[in-house]
Every structure is written in structure tokens, then in C-alpha cells.
Amino acid sequence: MGKVDTFYREYEVFSKKTMDGPFQHQFSLLAPNQDMALIMAQENFMRREAVADIWIVERSAIKGLEPEEKRMLKRLDNKSYRTTKGYGHLRVKWRQYEQKQLDEKEIMSWGEDKTQ
């Protein structure tokens, strides 16, 4: 086997449009070092869009979950009370309630003179 060329490293570029905004992943790039990665990110990205801040992260520094660890993310089946999916019908019920309160017959009766 030949020697693997490690001159270039993979970097991930994150940016945010405003100082209060969140960072978003933009693209990946290959560069020999972090300083050159920042220059390349500025040349390729900042001239197209206004940017408030940029992060350059070497991909090897990013830790993801292993397949075994991802299984921890699944919810237990007995925790359905924590979700709000059971309340979706309330919007329909509220709309029906409002319509009953202000039906056409009632609204038309507002203009009638009831003293006669």
C-alpha cells in the first residue's frame, strides 16, 4: 500500500448572516491548514453574501454518534403524554365554538330594532 497524502485536510464552513442569527453549515473544502481554509472560505462565500461571522472546523474535530449511540435517541413508547399531538383537535373545536357564537342569524339581529 502507498502512503496516504495528508497535505490537504477537510474543513467544514459555518456562517451566520447576522450577529444574533444561528450558525448554519455552508460547505466543505480541502485546505493545507486552518488559515488557508479561512481564506478560501472568505473568497468562495463572503463575496456572494453578507456574513456576520464564519467558523472553520476541521472535519476530524467533529464528533458524531456511533450507530450504537444513535439507539439512545429513540423515545420510550410510554412517553406519549409528553407530545402535544393529542391537542390538535382543539383548533377545530374552537373554530366550531366561534362559529356558533357568531352565526349569520345572530349578526343580522344586531341591526334590528327590538323596541317595537
PDB file of N, CA and C in Angstrom:
ATOM      1  N   MET A   1       0.830  -1.192   0.000  1.00  0.00           N
ATOM      2  CA  MET A   1       0.000   0.000   0.000  1.00  0.00           C
ATOM      3  C   MET A   1       0.868   1.247   0.000  1.00  0.00           C
ATOM      4  N   GLY A   2       0.404   2.258  -0.724  1.00  0.00           N
ATOM      5  CA  GLY A   2       1.137   3.509  -0.773  1.00  0.00           C
ATOM      6  C   GLY A   2       0.796   4.402   0.405  1.00  0.00           C
ATOM      7  N   LYS A   3       1.619   5.393   0.604  1.00  0.00           N
ATOM      8  CA  LYS A   3       1.396   6.343   1.691  1.00  0.00           C
ATOM      9  C   LYS A   3       0.224   7.258   1.339  1.00  0.00           C
ATOM     10  N   VAL A   4      -0.641   7.506   2.317  1.00  0.00           N
ATOM     11  CA  VAL A   4      -1.791   8.381   2.112  1.00  0.00           C
ATOM     12  C   VAL A   4      -1.340   9.833   2.188  1.00  0.00           C
ATOM     13  N   ASP A   5      -1.725  10.623   1.181  1.00  0.00           N
ATOM     14  CA  ASP A   5      -1.350  12.039   1.145  1.00  0.00           C
ATOM     15  C   ASP A   5      -2.200  12.799   2.163  1.00  0.00           C
ATOM     16  N   THR A   6      -1.581  13.407   3.151  1.00  0.00           N
ATOM     17  CA  THR A   6      -2.301  14.152   4.192  1.00  0.00           C
ATOM     18  C   THR A   6      -2.006  15.648   4.129  1.00  0.00           C
ATOM     19  N   PHE A   7      -1.529  16.121   2.968  1.00  0.00           N
ATOM     20  CA  PHE A   7      -1.231  17.542   2.853  1.00  0.00           C
ATOM     21  C   PHE A   7      -2.505  18.371   2.996  1.00  0.00           C
ATOM     22  N   TYR A   8      -3.571  17.922   2.329  1.00  0.00           N
ATOM     23  CA  TYR A   8      -4.851  18.618   2.429  1.00  0.00           C
ATOM     24  C   TYR A   8      -5.724  17.964   3.487  1.00  0.00           C
ATOM     25  N   ARG A   9      -6.418  18.802   4.231  1.00  0.00           N
ATOM     26  CA  ARG A   9      -7.368  18.316   5.239  1.00  0.00           C
ATOM     27  C   ARG A   9      -8.750  18.861   4.904  1.00  0.00           C
ATOM     28  N   GLU A  10      -9.770  18.144   5.352  1.00  0.00           N
ATOM     29  CA  GLU A  10     -11.145  18.574   5.106  1.00  0.00           C
ATOM     30  C   GLU A  10     -11.603  19.511   6.211  1.00  0.00           C
ATOM     31  N   TYR A  11     -12.221  20.603   5.800  1.00  0.00           N
ATOM     32  CA  TYR A  11     -12.763  21.584   6.731  1.00  0.00           C
ATOM     33  C   TYR A  11     -14.237  21.807   6.421  1.00  0.00           C
ATOM     34  N   GLU A  12     -15.004  22.093   7.461  1.00  0.00           N
ATOM     35  CA  GLU A  12     -16.415  22.439   7.318  1.00  0.00           C
ATOM     36  C   GLU A  12     -16.551  23.931   7.604  1.00  0.00           C
ATOM     37  N   VAL A  13     -17.351  24.595   6.794  1.00  0.00           N
ATOM     38  CA  VAL A  13     -17.518  26.046   6.909  1.00  0.00           C
ATOM     39  C   VAL A  13     -18.933  26.335   7.405  1.00  0.00           C
ATOM     40  N   PHE A  14     -19.014  27.089   8.489  1.00  0.00           N
ATOM     41  CA  PHE A  14     -20.289  27.518   9.073  1.00  0.00           C
ATOM     42  C   PHE A  14     -20.307  29.048   9.051  1.00  0.00           C
ATOM     43  N   SER A  15     -21.481  29.620   8.838  1.00  0.00           N
ATOM     44  CA  SER A  15     -21.579  31.079   8.868  1.00  0.00           C
ATOM     45  C   SER A  15     -22.925  31.498   9.434  1.00  0.00           C
ATOM     46  N   LYS A  16     -22.994  32.762   9.806  1.00  0.00           N
ATOM     47  CA  LYS A  16     -24.275  33.343  10.208  1.00  0.00           C
ATOM     48  C   LYS A  16     -24.397  34.704   9.557  1.00  0.00           C
ATOM     49  N   LYS A  17     -25.632  35.042   9.164  1.00  0.00           N
ATOM     50  CA  LYS A  17     -25.877  36.273   8.414  1.00  0.00           C
ATOM     51  C   LYS A  17     -25.947  37.502   9.298  1.00  0.00           C
ATOM     52  N   THR A  18     -26.411  37.324  10.548  1.00  0.00           N
ATOM     53  CA  THR A  18     -26.486  38.440  11.490  1.00  0.00           C
ATOM     54  C   THR A  18     -25.806  38.027  12.781  1.00  0.00           C
ATOM     55  N   MET A  19     -25.444  38.988  13.583  1.00  0.00           N
ATOM     56  CA  MET A  19     -24.762  38.662  14.851  1.00  0.00           C
ATOM     57  C   MET A  19     -25.666  37.850  15.786  1.00  0.00           C
ATOM     58  N   ASP A  20     -26.972  38.073  15.707  1.00  0.00           N
ATOM     59  CA  ASP A  20     -27.910  37.350  16.567  1.00  0.00           C
ATOM     60  C   ASP A  20     -28.390  36.045  15.951  1.00  0.00           C
ATOM     61  N   GLY A  21     -28.105  35.813  14.684  1.00  0.00           N
ATOM     62  CA  GLY A  21     -28.607  34.634  13.980  1.00  0.00           C
ATOM     63  C   GLY A  21     -27.825  33.379  14.333  1.00  0.00           C
ATOM     64  N   PRO A  22     -28.369  32.230  13.946  1.00  0.00           N
ATOM     65  CA  PRO A  22     -27.690  30.956  14.218  1.00  0.00           C
ATOM     66  C   PRO A  22     -26.623  30.657  13.160  1.00  0.00           C
ATOM     67  N   PHE A  23     -25.645  29.859  13.525  1.00  0.00           N
ATOM     68  CA  PHE A  23     -24.667  29.390  12.559  1.00  0.00           C
ATOM     69  C   PHE A  23     -25.308  28.296  11.716  1.00  0.00           C
ATOM     70  N   GLN A  24     -25.007  28.290  10.422  1.00  0.00           N
ATOM     71  CA  GLN A  24     -25.504  27.271   9.506  1.00  0.00           C
ATOM     72  C   GLN A  24     -24.345  26.722   8.696  1.00  0.00           C
ATOM     73  N   HIS A  25     -24.376  25.413   8.469  1.00  0.00           N
ATOM     74  CA  HIS A  25     -23.339  24.789   7.652  1.00  0.00           C
ATOM     75  C   HIS A  25     -23.495  25.261   6.210  1.00  0.00           C
ATOM     76  N   GLN A  26     -22.387  25.624   5.578  1.00  0.00           N
ATOM     77  CA  GLN A  26     -22.434  26.125   4.210  1.00  0.00           C
ATOM     78  C   GLN A  26     -21.834  25.131   3.213  1.00  0.00           C
ATOM     79  N   PHE A  27     -20.613  24.682   3.466  1.00  0.00           N
ATOM     80  CA  PHE A  27     -19.962  23.762   2.539  1.00  0.00           C
ATOM     81  C   PHE A  27     -18.710  23.188   3.185  1.00  0.00           C
ATOM     82  N   SER A  28     -18.108  22.214   2.488  1.00  0.00           N
ATOM     83  CA  SER A  28     -16.845  21.614   2.898  1.00  0.00           C
ATOM     84  C   SER A  28     -15.772  22.076   1.921  1.00  0.00           C
ATOM     85  N   LEU A  29     -14.531  22.075   2.374  1.00  0.00           N
ATOM     86  CA  LEU A  29     -13.429  22.404   1.480  1.00  0.00           C
ATOM     87  C   LEU A  29     -12.167  21.688   1.908  1.00  0.00           C
ATOM     88  N   LEU A  30     -11.214  21.589   0.985  1.00  0.00           N
ATOM     89  CA  LEU A  30      -9.905  20.996   1.259  1.00  0.00           C
ATOM     90  C   LEU A  30      -8.884  22.115   1.322  1.00  0.00           C
ATOM     91  N   ALA A  31      -8.051  22.098   2.358  1.00  0.00           N
ATOM     92  CA  ALA A  31      -7.017  23.116   2.519  1.00  0.00           C
ATOM     93  C   ALA A  31      -5.847  22.516   3.286  1.00  0.00           C
ATOM     94  N   PRO A  32      -4.646  23.081   3.103  1.00  0.00           N
ATOM     95  CA  PRO A  32      -3.482  22.541   3.804  1.00  0.00           C
ATOM     96  C   PRO A  32      -3.459  22.884   5.296  1.00  0.00           C
ATOM     97  N   ASN A  33      -4.136  23.996   5.687  1.00  0.00           N
ATOM     98  CA  ASN A  33      -4.170  24.363   7.102  1.00  0.00           C
ATOM     99  C   ASN A  33      -5.394  25.241   7.363  1.00  0.00           C
ATOM    100  N   GLN A  34      -5.616  25.570   8.635  1.00  0.00           N
ATOM    101  CA  GLN A  34      -6.804  26.322   9.016  1.00  0.00           C
ATOM    102  C   GLN A  34      -6.796  27.755   8.472  1.00  0.00           C
ATOM    103  N   ASP A  35      -5.640  28.378   8.453  1.00  0.00           N
ATOM    104  CA  ASP A  35      -5.556  29.748   7.933  1.00  0.00           C
ATOM    105  C   ASP A  35      -5.934  29.795   6.455  1.00  0.00           C
ATOM    106  N   MET A  36      -5.418  28.836   5.688  1.00  0.00           N
ATOM    107  CA  MET A  36      -5.740  28.798   4.266  1.00  0.00           C
ATOM    108  C   MET A  36      -7.217  28.439   4.068  1.00  0.00           C
ATOM    109  N   ALA A  37      -7.762  27.602   4.934  1.00  0.00           N
ATOM    110  CA  ALA A  37      -9.182  27.256   4.848  1.00  0.00           C
ATOM    111  C   ALA A  37     -10.048  28.498   5.060  1.00  0.00           C
ATOM    112  N   LEU A  38      -9.660  29.342   5.996  1.00  0.00           N
ATOM    113  CA  LEU A  38     -10.407  30.577   6.248  1.00  0.00           C
ATOM    114  C   LEU A  38     -10.343  31.509   5.031  1.00  0.00           C
ATOM    115  N   ILE A  39      -9.174  31.647   4.442  1.00  0.00           N
ATOM    116  CA  ILE A  39      -9.020  32.498   3.251  1.00  0.00           C
ATOM    117  C   ILE A  39      -9.881  31.956   2.112  1.00  0.00           C
ATOM    118  N   MET A  40      -9.846  30.643   1.917  1.00  0.00           N
ATOM    119  CA  MET A  40     -10.643  30.035   0.847  1.00  0.00           C
ATOM    120  C   MET A  40     -12.134  30.207   1.107  1.00  0.00           C
ATOM    121  N   ALA A  41     -12.546  30.076   2.354  1.00  0.00           N
ATOM    122  CA  ALA A  41     -13.963  30.256   2.694  1.00  0.00           C
ATOM    123  C   ALA A  41     -14.399  31.694   2.426  1.00  0.00           C
ATOM    124  N   GLN A  42     -13.552  32.641   2.794  1.00  0.00           N
ATOM    125  CA  GLN A  42     -13.872  34.052   2.545  1.00  0.00           C
ATOM    126  C   GLN A  42     -13.971  34.335   1.049  1.00  0.00           C
ATOM    127  N   GLU A  43     -13.046  33.794   0.280  1.00  0.00           N
ATOM    128  CA  GLU A  43     -13.046  34.025  -1.165  1.00  0.00           C
ATOM    129  C   GLU A  43     -14.256  33.383  -1.844  1.00  0.00           C
ATOM    130  N   ASN A  44     -14.617  32.206  -1.399  1.00  0.00           N
ATOM    131  CA  ASN A  44     -15.704  31.472  -2.046  1.00  0.00           C
ATOM    132  C   ASN A  44     -17.086  31.844  -1.548  1.00  0.00           C
ATOM    133  N   PHE A  45     -17.181  32.376  -0.356  1.00  0.00           N
ATOM    134  CA  PHE A  45     -18.503  32.580   0.230  1.00  0.00           C
ATOM    135  C   PHE A  45     -18.819  34.036   0.499  1.00  0.00           C
ATOM    136  N   MET A  46     -17.905  34.739   1.142  1.00  0.00           N
ATOM    137  CA  MET A  46     -18.216  36.088   1.608  1.00  0.00           C
ATOM    138  C   MET A  46     -18.419  37.078   0.471  1.00  0.00           C
ATOM    139  N   ARG A  47     -17.893  36.818  -0.691  1.00  0.00           N
ATOM    140  CA  ARG A  47     -18.112  37.767  -1.783  1.00  0.00           C
ATOM    141  C   ARG A  47     -19.489  37.585  -2.413  1.00  0.00           C
ATOM    142  N   ARG A  48     -20.175  36.472  -2.083  1.00  0.00           N
ATOM    143  CA  ARG A  48     -21.511  36.235  -2.616  1.00  0.00           C
ATOM    144  C   ARG A  48     -22.610  36.738  -1.689  1.00  0.00           C
ATOM    145  N   GLU A  49     -22.381  36.634  -0.386  1.00  0.00           N
ATOM    146  CA  GLU A  49     -23.417  37.005   0.586  1.00  0.00           C
ATOM    147  C   GLU A  49     -22.796  37.794   1.733  1.00  0.00           C
ATOM    148  N   ALA A  50     -23.630  38.617   2.356  1.00  0.00           N
ATOM    149  CA  ALA A  50     -23.177  39.327   3.558  1.00  0.00           C
ATOM    150  C   ALA A  50     -23.128  38.329   4.707  1.00  0.00           C
ATOM    151  N   VAL A  51     -22.049  38.366   5.469  1.00  0.00           N
ATOM    152  CA  VAL A  51     -21.848  37.413   6.556  1.00  0.00           C
ATOM    153  C   VAL A  51     -21.400  38.169   7.800  1.00  0.00           C
ATOM    154  N   ALA A  52     -21.966  37.802   8.956  1.00  0.00           N
ATOM    155  CA  ALA A  52     -21.574  38.439  10.213  1.00  0.00           C
ATOM    156  C   ALA A  52     -20.409  37.707  10.877  1.00  0.00           C
ATOM    157  N   ASP A  53     -20.314  36.373  10.647  1.00  0.00           N
ATOM    158  CA  ASP A  53     -19.251  35.588  11.280  1.00  0.00           C
ATOM    159  C   ASP A  53     -19.087  34.280  10.524  1.00  0.00           C
ATOM    160  N   ILE A  54     -17.878  33.717  10.574  1.00  0.00           N
ATOM    161  CA  ILE A  54     -17.581  32.425   9.935  1.00  0.00           C
ATOM    162  C   ILE A  54     -16.826  31.555  10.925  1.00  0.00           C
ATOM    163  N   TRP A  55     -17.153  30.267  10.930  1.00  0.00           N
ATOM    164  CA  TRP A  55     -16.386  29.271  11.666  1.00  0.00           C
ATOM    165  C   TRP A  55     -15.804  28.295  10.660  1.00  0.00           C
ATOM    166  N   ILE A  56     -14.543  27.952  10.844  1.00  0.00           N
ATOM    167  CA  ILE A  56     -13.881  26.934  10.050  1.00  0.00           C
ATOM    168  C   ILE A  56     -13.503  25.821  11.028  1.00  0.00           C
ATOM    169  N   VAL A  57     -14.013  24.614  10.778  1.00  0.00           N
ATOM    170  CA  VAL A  57     -13.775  23.497  11.692  1.00  0.00           C
ATOM    171  C   VAL A  57     -13.196  22.325  10.908  1.00  0.00           C
ATOM    172  N   GLU A  58     -12.071  21.798  11.392  1.00  0.00           N
ATOM    173  CA  GLU A  58     -11.511  20.615  10.743  1.00  0.00           C
ATOM    174  C   GLU A  58     -12.464  19.447  10.975  1.00  0.00           C
ATOM    175  N   ARG A  59     -12.792  18.743   9.896  1.00  0.00           N
ATOM    176  CA  ARG A  59     -13.800  17.676   9.982  1.00  0.00           C
ATOM    177  C   ARG A  59     -13.428  16.624  11.029  1.00  0.00           C
ATOM    178  N   SER A  60     -12.154  16.328  11.193  1.00  0.00           N
ATOM    179  CA  SER A  60     -11.748  15.312  12.170  1.00  0.00           C
ATOM    180  C   SER A  60     -12.047  15.748  13.606  1.00  0.00           C
ATOM    181  N   ALA A  61     -12.285  17.046  13.829  1.00  0.00           N
ATOM    182  CA  ALA A  61     -12.601  17.552  15.168  1.00  0.00           C
ATOM    183  C   ALA A  61     -14.082  17.425  15.496  1.00  0.00           C
ATOM    184  N   ILE A  62     -14.890  17.052  14.512  1.00  0.00           N
ATOM    185  CA  ILE A  62     -16.329  16.926  14.729  1.00  0.00           C
ATOM    186  C   ILE A  62     -16.637  15.490  15.126  1.00  0.00           C
ATOM    187  N   LYS A  63     -17.293  15.336  16.250  1.00  0.00           N
ATOM    188  CA  LYS A  63     -17.648  14.005  16.758  1.00  0.00           C
ATOM    189  C   LYS A  63     -19.113  13.743  16.475  1.00  0.00           C
ATOM    190  N   GLY A  64     -19.386  12.667  15.798  1.00  0.00           N
ATOM    191  CA  GLY A  64     -20.761  12.240  15.550  1.00  0.00           C
ATOM    192  C   GLY A  64     -21.080  11.013  16.390  1.00  0.00           C
ATOM    193  N   LEU A  65     -22.327  10.637  16.415  1.00  0.00           N
ATOM    194  CA  LEU A  65     -22.738   9.462  17.177  1.00  0.00           C
ATOM    195  C   LEU A  65     -22.465   8.181  16.396  1.00  0.00           C
ATOM    196  N   GLU A  66     -22.010   7.181  17.113  1.00  0.00           N
ATOM    197  CA  GLU A  66     -21.846   5.854  16.528  1.00  0.00           C
ATOM    198  C   GLU A  66     -23.222   5.201  16.423  1.00  0.00           C
ATOM    199  N   PRO A  67     -23.379   4.182  15.561  1.00  0.00           N
ATOM    200  CA  PRO A  67     -24.695   3.534  15.427  1.00  0.00           C
ATOM    201  C   PRO A  67     -25.281   3.054  16.761  1.00  0.00           C
ATOM    202  N   GLU A  68     -24.431   2.547  17.633  1.00  0.00           N
ATOM    203  CA  GLU A  68     -24.928   2.092  18.941  1.00  0.00           C
ATOM    204  C   GLU A  68     -25.435   3.268  19.778  1.00  0.00           C
ATOM    205  N   GLU A  69     -24.744   4.408  19.659  1.00  0.00           N
ATOM    206  CA  GLU A  69     -25.145   5.591  20.420  1.00  0.00           C
ATOM    207  C   GLU A  69     -26.441   6.202  19.883  1.00  0.00           C
ATOM    208  N   LYS A  70     -26.696   6.064  18.586  1.00  0.00           N
ATOM    209  CA  LYS A  70     -27.914   6.610  17.992  1.00  0.00           C
ATOM    210  C   LYS A  70     -29.163   5.931  18.541  1.00  0.00           C
ATOM    211  N   ARG A  71     -29.023   4.691  18.956  1.00  0.00           N
ATOM    212  CA  ARG A  71     -30.177   3.985  19.527  1.00  0.00           C
ATOM    213  C   ARG A  71     -30.668   4.650  20.807  1.00  0.00           C
ATOM    214  N   MET A  72     -29.803   5.372  21.504  1.00  0.00           N
ATOM    215  CA  MET A  72     -30.205   6.072  22.728  1.00  0.00           C
ATOM    216  C   MET A  72     -31.194   7.198  22.430  1.00  0.00           C
ATOM    217  N   LEU A  73     -31.211   7.685  21.196  1.00  0.00           N
ATOM    218  CA  LEU A  73     -32.047   8.825  20.848  1.00  0.00           C
ATOM    219  C   LEU A  73     -33.522   8.456  20.688  1.00  0.00           C
ATOM    220  N   LYS A  74     -33.810   7.173  20.533  1.00  0.00           N
ATOM    221  CA  LYS A  74     -35.197   6.765  20.355  1.00  0.00           C
ATOM    222  C   LYS A  74     -35.955   6.951  21.664  1.00  0.00           C
ATOM    223  N   ARG A  75     -37.171   7.475  21.535  1.00  0.00           N
ATOM    224  CA  ARG A  75     -38.000   7.701  22.727  1.00  0.00           C
ATOM    225  C   ARG A  75     -38.602   6.392  23.215  1.00  0.00           C
ATOM    226  N   LEU A  76     -38.835   6.356  24.482  1.00  0.00           N
ATOM    227  CA  LEU A  76     -39.551   5.215  25.039  1.00  0.00           C
ATOM    228  C   LEU A  76     -41.015   5.310  24.636  1.00  0.00           C
ATOM    229  N   ASP A  77     -41.648   4.188  24.440  1.00  0.00           N
ATOM    230  CA  ASP A  77     -43.038   4.175  23.990  1.00  0.00           C
ATOM    231  C   ASP A  77     -44.021   4.713  25.022  1.00  0.00           C
ATOM    232  N   ASN A  78     -43.671   4.712  26.274  1.00  0.00           N
ATOM    233  CA  ASN A  78     -44.623   5.135  27.298  1.00  0.00           C
ATOM    234  C   ASN A  78     -44.534   6.634  27.615  1.00  0.00           C
ATOM    235  N   LYS A  79     -43.975   7.419  26.734  1.00  0.00           N
ATOM    236  CA  LYS A  79     -43.821   8.857  26.980  1.00  0.00           C
ATOM    237  C   LYS A  79     -44.697   9.697  26.055  1.00  0.00           C
ATOM    238  N   SER A  80     -45.778   9.147  25.531  1.00  0.00           N
ATOM    239  CA  SER A  80     -46.603   9.880  24.578  1.00  0.00           C
ATOM    240  C   SER A  80     -47.264  11.102  25.210  1.00  0.00           C
ATOM    241  N   TYR A  81     -47.409  11.100  26.522  1.00  0.00           N
ATOM    242  CA  TYR A  81     -48.015  12.258  27.184  1.00  0.00           C
ATOM    243  C   TYR A  81     -47.143  13.508  27.065  1.00  0.00           C
ATOM    244  N   ARG A  82     -45.899  13.342  26.675  1.00  0.00           N
ATOM    245  CA  ARG A  82     -45.007  14.496  26.534  1.00  0.00           C
ATOM    246  C   ARG A  82     -45.176  15.217  25.199  1.00  0.00           C
ATOM    247  N   THR A  83     -45.844  14.595  24.256  1.00  0.00           N
ATOM    248  CA  THR A  83     -46.053  15.230  22.963  1.00  0.00           C
ATOM    249  C   THR A  83     -47.402  15.921  22.957  1.00  0.00           C
ATOM    250  N   THR A  84     -47.568  16.889  22.074  1.00  0.00           N
ATOM    251  CA  THR A  84     -48.812  17.658  22.031  1.00  0.00           C
ATOM    252  C   THR A  84     -49.729  17.213  20.900  1.00  0.00           C
ATOM    253  N   LYS A  85     -49.440  16.075  20.299  1.00  0.00           N
ATOM    254  CA  LYS A  85     -50.260  15.655  19.169  1.00  0.00           C
ATOM    255  C   LYS A  85     -51.700  15.383  19.575  1.00  0.00           C
ATOM    256  N   GLY A  86     -51.963  15.151  20.829  1.00  0.00           N
ATOM    257  CA  GLY A  86     -53.319  14.898  21.288  1.00  0.00           C
ATOM    258  C   GLY A  86     -54.185  16.137  21.362  1.00  0.00           C
ATOM    259  N   TYR A  87     -53.614  17.325  21.152  1.00  0.00           N
ATOM    260  CA  TYR A  87     -54.366  18.569  21.278  1.00  0.00           C
ATOM    261  C   TYR A  87     -54.695  19.206  19.927  1.00  0.00           C
ATOM    262  N   GLY A  88     -54.373  18.531  18.833  1.00  0.00           N
ATOM    263  CA  GLY A  88     -54.595  19.084  17.510  1.00  0.00           C
ATOM    264  C   GLY A  88     -56.054  19.344  17.203  1.00  0.00           C
ATOM    265  N   HIS A  89     -56.950  18.580  17.813  1.00  0.00           N
ATOM    266  CA  HIS A  89     -58.383  18.743  17.547  1.00  0.00           C
ATOM    267  C   HIS A  89     -58.948  20.011  18.190  1.00  0.00           C
ATOM    268  N   LEU A  90     -58.228  20.625  19.111  1.00  0.00           N
ATOM    269  CA  LEU A  90     -58.755  21.796  19.806  1.00  0.00           C
ATOM    270  C   LEU A  90     -58.961  22.986  18.868  1.00  0.00           C
ATOM    271  N   ARG A  91     -58.117  23.130  17.859  1.00  0.00           N
ATOM    272  CA  ARG A  91     -58.275  24.228  16.910  1.00  0.00           C
ATOM    273  C   ARG A  91     -59.613  24.102  16.185  1.00  0.00           C
ATOM    274  N   VAL A  92     -59.948  22.882  15.778  1.00  0.00           N
ATOM    275  CA  VAL A  92     -61.219  22.653  15.085  1.00  0.00           C
ATOM    276  C   VAL A  92     -62.382  22.916  16.034  1.00  0.00           C
ATOM    277  N   LYS A  93     -62.263  22.431  17.261  1.00  0.00           N
ATOM    278  CA  LYS A  93     -63.332  22.654  18.237  1.00  0.00           C
ATOM    279  C   LYS A  93     -63.514  24.137  18.525  1.00  0.00           C
ATOM    280  N   TRP A  94     -62.425  24.878  18.638  1.00  0.00           N
ATOM    281  CA  TRP A  94     -62.507  26.317  18.907  1.00  0.00           C
ATOM    282  C   TRP A  94     -63.184  27.033  17.747  1.00  0.00           C
ATOM    283  N   ARG A  95     -62.824  26.659  16.519  1.00  0.00           N
ATOM    284  CA  ARG A  95     -63.435  27.278  15.347  1.00  0.00           C
ATOM    285  C   ARG A  95     -64.948  27.007  15.335  1.00  0.00           C
ATOM    286  N   GLN A  96     -65.345  25.788  15.668  1.00  0.00           N
ATOM    287  CA  GLN A  96     -66.767  25.455  15.722  1.00  0.00           C
ATOM    288  C   GLN A  96     -67.468  26.278  16.797  1.00  0.00           C
ATOM    289  N   TYR A  97     -66.826  26.449  17.930  1.00  0.00           N
ATOM    290  CA  TYR A  97     -67.389  27.231  19.023  1.00  0.00           C
ATOM    291  C   TYR A  97     -67.588  28.687  18.591  1.00  0.00           C
ATOM    292  N   GLU A  98     -66.560  29.258  17.930  1.00  0.00           N
ATOM    293  CA  GLU A  98     -66.670  30.641  17.476  1.00  0.00           C
ATOM    294  C   GLU A  98     -67.786  30.805  16.455  1.00  0.00           C
ATOM    295  N   GLN A  99     -67.914  29.859  15.561  1.00  0.00           N
ATOM    296  CA  GLN A  99     -68.955  29.942  14.544  1.00  0.00           C
ATOM    297  C   GLN A  99     -70.344  29.861  15.153  1.00  0.00           C
ATOM    298  N   LYS A 100     -70.498  29.092  16.199  1.00  0.00           N
ATOM    299  CA  LYS A 100     -71.786  29.004  16.877  1.00  0.00           C
ATOM    300  C   LYS A 100     -72.128  30.326  17.552  1.00  0.00           C
ATOM    301  N   GLN A 101     -71.118  31.000  18.050  1.00  0.00           N
ATOM    302  CA  GLN A 101     -71.339  32.257  18.743  1.00  0.00           C
ATOM    303  C   GLN A 101     -71.732  33.370  17.784  1.00  0.00           C
ATOM    304  N   LEU A 102     -71.157  33.380  16.615  1.00  0.00           N
ATOM    305  CA  LEU A 102     -71.388  34.473  15.674  1.00  0.00           C
ATOM    306  C   LEU A 102     -71.953  33.922  14.361  1.00  0.00           C
ATOM    307  N   ASP A 103     -73.090  33.293  14.405  1.00  0.00           N
ATOM    308  CA  ASP A 103     -73.695  32.824  13.171  1.00  0.00           C
ATOM    309  C   ASP A 103     -74.412  33.988  12.473  1.00  0.00           C
ATOM    310  N   GLU A 104     -74.782  33.783  11.243  1.00  0.00           N
ATOM    311  CA  GLU A 104     -75.364  34.849  10.424  1.00  0.00           C
ATOM    312  C   GLU A 104     -76.652  35.395  11.019  1.00  0.00           C
ATOM    313  N   LYS A 105     -77.494  34.533  11.556  1.00  0.00           N
ATOM    314  CA  LYS A 105     -78.777  34.959  12.116  1.00  0.00           C
ATOM    315  C   LYS A 105     -78.561  35.920  13.287  1.00  0.00           C
ATOM    316  N   GLU A 106     -77.591  35.606  14.121  1.00  0.00           N
ATOM    317  CA  GLU A 106     -77.307  36.466  15.274  1.00  0.00           C
ATOM    318  C   GLU A 106     -76.758  37.814  14.828  1.00  0.00           C
ATOM    319  N   ILE A 107     -75.830  37.793  13.884  1.00  0.00           N
ATOM    320  CA  ILE A 107     -75.233  39.043  13.414  1.00  0.00           C
ATOM    321  C   ILE A 107     -76.289  39.929  12.778  1.00  0.00           C
ATOM    322  N   MET A 108     -77.187  39.355  11.990  1.00  0.00           N
ATOM    323  CA  MET A 108     -78.245  40.134  11.341  1.00  0.00           C
ATOM    324  C   MET A 108     -79.218  40.708  12.366  1.00  0.00           C
ATOM    325  N   SER A 109     -79.369  40.044  13.490  1.00  0.00           N
ATOM    326  CA  SER A 109     -80.300  40.530  14.516  1.00  0.00           C
ATOM    327  C   SER A 109     -79.760  41.752  15.253  1.00  0.00           C
ATOM    328  N   TRP A 110     -78.489  42.015  15.151  1.00  0.00           N
ATOM    329  CA  TRP A 110     -77.906  43.165  15.841  1.00  0.00           C
ATOM    330  C   TRP A 110     -78.458  44.474  15.299  1.00  0.00           C
ATOM    331  N   GLY A 111     -78.796  44.524  14.041  1.00  0.00           N
ATOM    332  CA  GLY A 111     -79.291  45.759  13.433  1.00  0.00           C
ATOM    333  C   GLY A 111     -80.777  45.976  13.606  1.00  0.00           C
ATOM    334  N   GLU A 112     -81.488  44.992  14.115  1.00  0.00           N
ATOM    335  CA  GLU A 112     -82.944  45.114  14.277  1.00  0.00           C
ATOM    336  C   GLU A 112     -83.295  45.973  15.475  1.00  0.00           C
ATOM    337  N   ASP A 113     -84.384  46.671  15.344  1.00  0.00           N
ATOM    338  CA  ASP A 113     -84.882  47.481  16.451  1.00  0.00           C
ATOM    339  C   ASP A 113     -85.813  46.606  17.275  1.00  0.00           C
ATOM    340  N   LYS A 114     -85.421  46.259  18.480  1.00  0.00           N
ATOM    341  CA  LYS A 114     -86.193  45.332  19.325  1.00  0.00           C
ATOM    342  C   LYS A 114     -87.214  46.044  20.209  1.00  0.00           C
ATOM    343  N   THR A 115     -87.308  47.350  20.096  1.00  0.00           N
ATOM    344  CA  THR A 115     -88.263  48.096  20.950  1.00  0.00           C
ATOM    345  C   THR A 115     -89.654  48.096  20.363  1.00  0.00           C
ATOM    346  N   GLN A 116     -89.847  47.669  19.150  1.00  0.00           N
ATOM    347  CA  GLN A 116     -91.179  47.702  18.536  1.00  0.00           C
ATOM    348  C   GLN A 116     -91.994  46.501  18.882  1.00  0.00           C
TER     349      GLN A 116
END
